[in-house]
């Protein structure tokens, strides 16, 4: 590829790098959301409290007995059991509606709260726990949210699918741009390519410099996309306090590896197809 043609095609190659970078960025967001959805769901479930409302006139020894009963339940997080009197219970349950009426006494009872491990927060386990705890003579009622109400994995999956859809659109656009860019670049070299073929040069030898250039385009696009993705993650990490506990670093490394492989694959496959298109042309078709 001579310098004149190289300079002419630089803007086109730059557009190809930018378009592929956008594709890889959205694919990276999709992969991160998809891979992290389970960890996000797990974190949310482990922050939800199960509330046990106690009967009136329960003394400390009775409370300890109920705590022991809770600890015997499956999947209870160690150290998560807490006692709340009527006043603090009203704050937990959101006792706002009574403030306007000047009500002094809280309408709530003394209560115990505890949290479950994510794998134990299932509708089946919650229903079983509800039955067992309601059989306790000191328990007035049990409150909890169902697994479907707490779980956000469906929302995360829908959001990640939106990014996947955008990625597919950009993939199609990028492939068109890459194909057209390489076609225009190779069109100027069509006689040189055909001459090399006629004098006996192997097709692999002819393809080699163009495939190398396609690989460079893909790697540059990956670098741009990786910087954008890491910058996004850094911003989220610094601005959202819980993001650090959600982020699983091996998934980030896996995402970057997948993006690197895709960037190389997209550009080299497209380059290979374009070159083959010119190599398969007859000599008379080169005048078109």
Protein backbone atom coordinates (compact mmCIF):
# COMPACT_ATOMS: atom_id res chain seq x y z
CA UNK A 1 0.00 0.00 0.00
CA UNK A 2 1.69 3.22 -1.15
CA UNK A 3 1.84 6.43 0.90
CA UNK A 4 -0.62 8.35 -1.27
CA UNK A 5 -3.32 5.78 -0.89
CA UNK A 6 -2.51 5.35 2.79
CA UNK A 7 -2.94 9.09 3.45
CA UNK A 8 -6.18 9.21 1.49
CA UNK A 9 -7.68 6.32 3.42
CA UNK A 10 -6.62 7.53 6.89
CA UNK A 11 -9.93 9.30 7.65
CA UNK A 12 -11.86 6.20 6.54
CA UNK A 13 -9.73 3.96 8.75
CA UNK A 14 -10.21 6.43 11.60
CA UNK A 15 -13.98 6.14 11.18
CA UNK A 16 -13.65 2.37 11.21
CA UNK A 17 -11.67 2.50 14.48
CA UNK A 18 -14.25 4.81 16.07
CA UNK A 19 -17.23 2.71 14.95
CA UNK A 20 -15.66 -0.53 16.17
CA UNK A 21 -14.77 1.17 19.48
CA UNK A 22 -18.41 2.16 19.98
CA UNK A 23 -19.47 -1.42 19.24
CA UNK A 24 -16.97 -2.84 21.70
CA UNK A 25 -17.92 -0.31 24.38
CA UNK A 26 -21.62 -1.23 24.29
CA UNK A 27 -20.75 -4.91 24.14
CA UNK A 28 -18.55 -4.38 27.21
CA UNK A 29 -21.40 -2.69 29.11
CA UNK A 30 -23.70 -5.57 28.15
CA UNK A 31 -21.21 -8.21 29.27
CA UNK A 32 -20.54 -6.45 32.57
CA UNK A 33 -24.25 -6.12 33.34
CA UNK A 34 -24.94 -9.71 32.36
CA UNK A 35 -22.03 -11.17 34.31
CA UNK A 36 -22.58 -8.98 37.38
CA UNK A 37 -26.39 -9.43 37.53
CA UNK A 38 -26.13 -12.43 39.84
CA UNK A 39 -23.85 -10.57 42.27
CA UNK A 40 -26.14 -7.52 42.25
CA UNK A 41 -29.15 -9.72 42.98
CA UNK A 42 -27.23 -11.47 45.76
CA UNK A 43 -26.23 -8.17 47.40
CA UNK A 44 -29.79 -6.83 47.32
CA UNK A 45 -31.26 -9.99 48.85
CA UNK A 46 -28.72 -9.98 51.68
CA UNK A 47 -29.67 -6.39 52.58
CA UNK A 48 -33.40 -7.12 52.95
CA UNK A 49 -34.61 -7.67 56.53
CA UNK A 50 -37.20 -10.17 57.69
CA UNK A 51 -39.31 -8.56 60.43
CA UNK A 52 -40.79 -10.46 63.39
CA UNK A 53 -43.40 -8.55 65.39
CA UNK A 54 -43.50 -9.69 69.02
CA UNK A 55 -46.51 -9.90 71.33
CA UNK A 56 -47.00 -7.40 74.16
CA UNK A 57 -45.22 -7.63 77.49
CA UNK A 58 -42.31 -9.75 76.27
CA UNK A 59 -39.35 -9.73 78.65
CA UNK A 60 -35.64 -10.06 77.83
CA UNK A 61 -35.48 -13.81 78.45
CA UNK A 62 -38.36 -14.31 76.01
CA UNK A 63 -36.59 -12.20 73.39
CA UNK A 64 -33.45 -14.30 73.75
CA UNK A 65 -35.55 -17.44 73.27
CA UNK A 66 -36.99 -16.07 70.01
CA UNK A 67 -33.47 -15.15 68.87
CA UNK A 68 -32.36 -18.73 69.49
CA UNK A 69 -35.29 -19.93 67.41
CA UNK A 70 -34.31 -17.59 64.57
CA UNK A 71 -30.70 -18.81 64.62
CA UNK A 72 -31.96 -22.35 64.05
CA UNK A 73 -33.58 -21.28 60.76
CA UNK A 74 -31.80 -22.07 57.50
CA UNK A 75 -29.52 -19.39 56.00
CA UNK A 76 -29.74 -16.71 58.72
CA UNK A 77 -26.74 -14.36 58.49
CA UNK A 78 -24.63 -14.43 61.63
CA UNK A 79 -24.84 -11.19 63.61
CA UNK A 80 -27.81 -9.84 61.65
CA UNK A 81 -30.45 -10.35 64.38
CA UNK A 82 -31.42 -7.08 66.07
CA UNK A 83 -34.04 -6.09 68.64
CA UNK A 84 -36.11 -2.90 68.25
CA UNK A 85 -38.53 -1.43 70.78
CA UNK A 86 -41.80 0.26 69.77
CA UNK A 87 -40.23 3.65 69.08
CA UNK A 88 -37.39 2.40 66.88
CA UNK A 89 -39.78 -0.09 65.26
CA UNK A 90 -41.94 2.81 64.11
CA UNK A 91 -38.92 4.40 62.42
CA UNK A 92 -38.04 1.14 60.67
CA UNK A 93 -41.60 0.56 59.45
CA UNK A 94 -41.98 4.20 58.33
CA UNK A 95 -44.35 5.55 60.99
CA UNK A 96 -44.96 8.87 59.16
CA UNK A 97 -48.72 8.84 58.86
CA UNK A 98 -49.18 9.28 62.60
CA UNK A 99 -46.86 12.26 62.98
CA UNK A 100 -49.42 14.72 61.60
CA UNK A 101 -51.98 13.63 64.19
CA UNK A 102 -49.55 14.14 67.07
CA UNK A 103 -49.83 10.54 68.16
CA UNK A 104 -47.45 9.87 71.04
CA UNK A 105 -47.55 6.09 71.22
CA UNK A 106 -46.25 4.09 68.29
CA UNK A 107 -48.85 1.74 66.76
CA UNK A 108 -46.16 -0.91 66.29
CA UNK A 109 -44.99 -3.61 68.65
CA UNK A 110 -41.49 -4.57 69.72
CA UNK A 111 -39.81 -6.45 66.93
CA UNK A 112 -36.80 -8.46 65.84
CA UNK A 113 -35.18 -8.16 62.43
CA UNK A 114 -32.68 -10.41 60.69
CA UNK A 115 -31.22 -10.99 57.23
CA UNK A 116 -30.72 -14.11 55.16
CA UNK A 117 -27.95 -15.30 52.89
CA UNK A 118 -28.79 -14.81 49.22
CA UNK A 119 -29.11 -18.53 48.47
CA UNK A 120 -31.56 -18.91 51.38
CA UNK A 121 -33.79 -16.02 50.24
CA UNK A 122 -36.24 -18.14 48.25
CA UNK A 123 -40.04 -18.19 48.37
CA UNK A 124 -39.99 -21.82 49.52
CA UNK A 125 -37.60 -21.14 52.40
CA UNK A 126 -39.41 -17.95 53.40
CA UNK A 127 -42.79 -19.72 53.50
CA UNK A 128 -41.33 -22.54 55.58
CA UNK A 129 -39.71 -20.04 57.95
CA UNK A 130 -42.97 -18.10 58.23
CA UNK A 131 -44.84 -21.23 59.36
CA UNK A 132 -42.18 -22.20 61.91
CA UNK A 133 -41.86 -18.73 63.42
CA UNK A 134 -45.61 -18.16 63.60
CA UNK A 135 -45.81 -21.28 65.77
CA UNK A 136 -43.65 -19.52 68.35
CA UNK A 137 -45.93 -18.40 71.23
CA UNK A 138 -44.19 -15.02 71.53
CA UNK A 139 -44.42 -14.10 67.83
CA UNK A 140 -47.34 -11.92 66.76
CA UNK A 141 -46.60 -11.70 63.01
CA UNK A 142 -43.84 -12.13 60.41
CA UNK A 143 -43.22 -9.74 57.53
CA UNK A 144 -41.01 -10.29 54.50
CA UNK A 145 -40.84 -9.52 50.79
CA UNK A 146 -41.18 -12.32 48.29
CA UNK A 147 -38.18 -13.37 46.21
CA UNK A 148 -39.71 -11.91 43.03
CA UNK A 149 -40.27 -8.53 44.75
CA UNK A 150 -36.69 -8.36 46.00
CA UNK A 151 -34.86 -9.85 43.00
CA UNK A 152 -33.70 -7.37 40.38
CA UNK A 153 -32.05 -9.85 38.06
CA UNK A 154 -34.92 -9.54 35.55
CA UNK A 155 -34.47 -5.77 35.41
CA UNK A 156 -30.72 -6.11 34.99
CA UNK A 157 -31.18 -8.68 32.23
CA UNK A 158 -33.63 -6.41 30.40
CA UNK A 159 -31.21 -3.49 30.68
CA UNK A 160 -28.32 -5.60 29.44
CA UNK A 161 -30.45 -6.79 26.51
CA UNK A 162 -31.01 -3.15 25.56
CA UNK A 163 -27.24 -2.65 25.38
CA UNK A 164 -26.97 -5.90 23.41
CA UNK A 165 -29.52 -4.60 20.89
CA UNK A 166 -27.56 -1.37 20.52
CA UNK A 167 -24.38 -3.38 20.11
CA UNK A 168 -25.92 -5.49 17.34
CA UNK A 169 -26.97 -2.32 15.49
CA UNK A 170 -23.48 -0.86 15.81
CA UNK A 171 -21.92 -4.18 14.76
CA UNK A 172 -23.92 -4.08 11.55
CA UNK A 173 -22.92 -0.46 10.92
CA UNK A 174 -19.28 -1.17 11.75
CA UNK A 175 -19.11 -4.14 9.41
CA UNK A 176 -20.55 -2.02 6.58
CA UNK A 177 -18.02 0.77 7.25
CA UNK A 178 -15.10 -1.65 7.51
CA UNK A 179 -16.16 -3.48 4.35
CA UNK A 180 -16.54 -0.26 2.37
CA UNK A 181 -13.30 1.20 3.73
CA UNK A 182 -11.24 -1.85 2.88
CA UNK A 183 -12.95 -2.23 -0.48
CA UNK A 184 -12.02 1.34 -1.45
CA UNK A 185 -8.48 0.83 -0.17
CA UNK A 186 -8.00 -2.41 -2.05
CA UNK A 187 -9.67 -1.07 -5.19
CA UNK A 188 -6.62 1.12 -5.81
CA UNK A 189 -4.42 -1.96 -5.48
CA UNK A 190 -6.54 -4.26 -7.64
CA UNK A 191 -4.02 -4.34 -10.51
CA UNK A 192 -1.12 -4.92 -8.16
CA UNK A 193 -3.03 -7.74 -6.43
CA UNK A 194 -3.98 -9.37 -9.74
CA UNK A 195 -0.41 -8.98 -11.09
CA UNK A 196 1.00 -10.74 -8.01
CA UNK A 197 -1.54 -13.50 -8.48
CA UNK A 198 -0.71 -13.88 -12.20
CA UNK A 199 3.03 -14.19 -11.53
CA UNK A 200 2.37 -17.01 -9.10
CA UNK A 201 2.21 -15.31 -5.69
CA UNK A 202 0.23 -17.33 -3.19
CA UNK A 203 -3.07 -15.84 -2.02
CA UNK A 204 -1.87 -16.09 1.57
CA UNK A 205 1.16 -13.94 0.66
CA UNK A 206 -1.10 -11.32 -0.98
CA UNK A 207 -3.49 -11.25 1.99
CA UNK A 208 -0.80 -11.01 4.66
CA UNK A 209 -0.12 -7.19 4.74
CA UNK A 210 -3.83 -6.35 4.56
CA UNK A 211 -4.73 -8.80 7.32
CA UNK A 212 -1.97 -7.29 9.45
CA UNK A 213 -3.40 -3.83 8.88
CA UNK A 214 -6.90 -5.07 9.73
CA UNK A 215 -5.56 -6.52 12.98
CA UNK A 216 -3.99 -3.16 13.85
CA UNK A 217 -7.35 -1.42 13.30
CA UNK A 218 -9.02 -3.92 15.62
CA UNK A 219 -6.38 -3.51 18.33
CA UNK A 220 -6.60 0.28 18.20
CA UNK A 221 -10.38 0.04 18.49
CA UNK A 222 -10.01 -2.27 21.48
CA UNK A 223 -7.66 0.17 23.24
CA UNK A 224 -10.13 3.05 22.77
CA UNK A 225 -13.08 0.92 23.94
CA UNK A 226 -11.15 -0.43 26.94
CA UNK A 227 -10.18 3.08 28.05
CA UNK A 228 -13.81 4.26 27.75
CA UNK A 229 -15.11 1.21 29.64
CA UNK A 230 -12.53 1.52 32.44
CA UNK A 231 -13.25 5.25 32.72
CA UNK A 232 -16.98 4.50 33.09
CA UNK A 233 -16.27 1.91 35.79
CA UNK A 234 -13.90 4.30 37.60
CA UNK A 235 -16.58 7.03 37.64
CA UNK A 236 -19.18 4.59 39.02
CA UNK A 237 -16.68 3.30 41.57
CA UNK A 238 -15.96 6.82 42.85
CA UNK A 239 -19.54 8.12 42.82
CA UNK A 240 -21.57 5.08 43.98
CA UNK A 241 -20.50 3.74 47.37
CA UNK A 242 -21.86 0.21 46.90
CA UNK A 243 -20.41 -0.23 43.43
CA UNK A 244 -17.12 -1.55 44.84
CA UNK A 245 -18.92 -4.40 46.61
CA UNK A 246 -20.88 -5.27 43.46
CA UNK A 247 -17.95 -5.23 41.04
CA UNK A 248 -16.26 -8.60 40.60
CA UNK A 249 -12.83 -7.87 39.10
CA UNK A 250 -12.33 -11.27 37.36
CA UNK A 251 -15.51 -10.53 35.36
CA UNK A 252 -13.99 -7.22 34.26
CA UNK A 253 -10.84 -9.03 33.12
CA UNK A 254 -12.97 -11.60 31.28
CA UNK A 255 -14.95 -8.81 29.59
CA UNK A 256 -11.76 -7.12 28.36
CA UNK A 257 -10.43 -10.44 27.06
CA UNK A 258 -13.66 -11.09 25.13
CA UNK A 259 -13.58 -7.58 23.67
CA UNK A 260 -9.97 -8.03 22.55
CA UNK A 261 -10.80 -11.29 20.79
CA UNK A 262 -13.89 -9.80 19.15
CA UNK A 263 -12.01 -6.72 17.92
CA UNK A 264 -9.41 -8.93 16.24
CA UNK A 265 -11.99 -11.35 14.86
CA UNK A 266 -14.30 -8.69 13.38
CA UNK A 267 -11.58 -6.80 11.52
CA UNK A 268 -9.61 -9.80 10.26
CA UNK A 269 -12.67 -11.74 9.05
CA UNK A 270 -14.00 -8.67 7.24
CA UNK A 271 -10.58 -7.95 5.71
CA UNK A 272 -10.25 -11.57 4.60
CA UNK A 273 -13.66 -11.49 2.86
CA UNK A 274 -12.91 -8.22 1.06
CA UNK A 275 -9.54 -9.44 -0.22
CA UNK A 276 -11.04 -12.70 -1.41
CA UNK A 277 -13.66 -10.74 -3.31
CA UNK A 278 -10.94 -9.00 -5.32
CA UNK A 279 -8.84 -12.14 -5.78
CA UNK A 280 -11.81 -14.02 -7.20
CA UNK A 281 -12.53 -11.32 -9.79
CA UNK A 282 -11.63 -12.01 -13.38
CA UNK A 283 -9.13 -9.78 -15.16
CA UNK A 284 -11.85 -8.25 -17.34
CA UNK A 285 -13.86 -7.26 -14.22
CA UNK A 286 -11.05 -5.10 -12.90
CA UNK A 287 -11.97 -2.36 -15.36
CA UNK A 288 -15.37 -1.90 -13.64
